[in-house]
Amino acid sequence: MFTVISPQKVKNSDGYIVQVANRYTVEYSDDDYTVAIEVDFGVTLGLYKNTLVASNKSNFEVTLNQVQYQKILDRIVKGLEAMGSQVEQL
């Protein structure tokens, strides 16, 4: 379940946050990671999944394993959909 914090930011009951940072970037954060991913706003929201970059809380870039990567990507999509966006993964 999502709570709308602002028109461009939602928080899930599991504690993670998804927000539109700017015209080209969506950010995700939880207790372990901060993630940025490139997007393209249009009729649908294009999510460029190969541009996902994760950092730990010390701001060091980290490599996610496939399970972590997919979990975070799914959470980002769900957060964007909770904001009313139709997401297309590119």
Protein backbone atom coordinates (compact mmCIF):
# COMPACT_ATOMS: atom_id res chain seq x y z
CA MET A 1 0.00 0.00 0.00
CA PHE A 2 1.28 3.44 -0.93
CA THR A 3 0.90 6.78 0.79
CA VAL A 4 1.17 9.85 -1.42
CA ILE A 5 3.67 12.24 0.17
CA SER A 6 3.54 14.72 -2.71
CA PRO A 7 2.40 14.56 -6.36
CA GLN A 8 5.82 13.15 -7.31
CA LYS A 9 6.64 11.05 -4.24
CA VAL A 10 5.08 7.95 -2.68
CA LYS A 11 6.00 5.81 0.31
CA ASN A 12 5.17 2.13 0.56
CA SER A 13 4.00 0.53 3.80
CA ASP A 14 7.20 -1.59 3.61
CA GLY A 15 9.19 1.64 4.09
CA TYR A 16 10.63 2.34 0.65
CA ILE A 17 10.14 5.60 -1.24
CA VAL A 18 9.82 6.21 -5.00
CA GLN A 19 10.02 9.76 -6.30
CA VAL A 20 10.41 11.65 -9.54
CA ALA A 21 13.65 13.56 -9.04
CA ASN A 22 13.54 15.51 -12.30
CA ARG A 23 12.39 15.24 -15.90
CA TYR A 24 14.85 12.42 -16.62
CA THR A 25 15.36 10.58 -13.33
CA VAL A 26 13.36 8.57 -10.82
CA GLU A 27 14.83 7.77 -7.43
CA TYR A 28 14.18 4.88 -5.07
CA SER A 29 15.36 4.59 -1.48
CA ASP A 30 15.04 2.04 1.29
CA ASP A 31 17.01 1.20 4.42
CA ASP A 32 19.88 -0.26 2.40
CA TYR A 33 20.06 1.44 -0.99
CA THR A 34 19.52 4.63 -2.93
CA VAL A 35 18.84 4.03 -6.61
CA ALA A 36 18.58 6.32 -9.63
CA ILE A 37 17.14 5.25 -12.98
CA GLU A 38 16.59 7.17 -16.21
CA VAL A 39 13.07 7.72 -17.50
CA ASP A 40 11.32 9.35 -20.42
CA PHE A 41 7.93 10.96 -19.86
CA GLY A 42 5.42 10.71 -22.69
CA VAL A 43 2.09 8.99 -23.24
CA THR A 44 3.61 6.22 -21.16
CA LEU A 45 6.58 6.52 -18.84
CA GLY A 46 9.60 4.85 -20.42
CA LEU A 47 11.81 3.24 -17.77
CA TYR A 48 15.34 2.50 -19.02
CA LYS A 49 16.10 -0.47 -16.81
CA ASN A 50 19.73 -0.79 -17.93
CA THR A 51 20.48 2.65 -16.47
CA LEU A 52 19.73 1.64 -12.86
CA VAL A 53 22.56 2.70 -10.54
CA ALA A 54 22.54 1.73 -6.87
CA SER A 55 24.47 3.21 -3.97
CA ASN A 56 24.67 2.12 -0.37
CA LYS A 57 23.97 4.53 2.47
CA SER A 58 27.66 5.55 2.48
CA ASN A 59 27.22 6.77 -1.14
CA PHE A 60 29.40 4.03 -2.59
CA GLU A 61 28.15 2.56 -5.85
CA VAL A 62 27.25 -1.10 -5.43
CA THR A 63 26.49 -3.96 -7.79
CA LEU A 64 23.14 -5.59 -7.14
CA ASN A 65 22.63 -9.29 -7.69
CA GLN A 66 19.79 -10.29 -10.02
CA VAL A 67 17.30 -10.86 -7.19
CA GLN A 68 18.00 -7.45 -5.61
CA TYR A 69 17.92 -5.74 -9.00
CA GLN A 70 14.55 -7.24 -9.96
CA LYS A 71 13.02 -6.54 -6.53
CA ILE A 72 14.01 -2.88 -6.68
CA LEU A 73 12.93 -2.52 -10.32
CA ASP A 74 9.53 -4.04 -9.49
CA ARG A 75 9.15 -1.68 -6.54
CA ILE A 76 9.98 1.32 -8.72
CA VAL A 77 7.35 0.28 -11.28
CA LYS A 78 4.72 -0.22 -8.55
CA GLY A 79 5.54 3.19 -7.06
CA LEU A 80 5.24 4.92 -10.42
CA GLU A 81 1.96 3.13 -11.10
CA ALA A 82 0.71 4.31 -7.69
CA MET A 83 1.41 7.86 -8.93
CA GLY A 84 -0.84 7.18 -11.92
CA SER A 85 1.81 6.46 -14.54
CA GLN A 86 1.58 3.75 -17.14
CA VAL A 87 5.10 2.30 -17.16
CA GLU A 88 6.86 0.72 -20.13
CA GLN A 89 10.16 -0.99 -19.36
CA LEU A 90 12.69 -0.37 -22.11
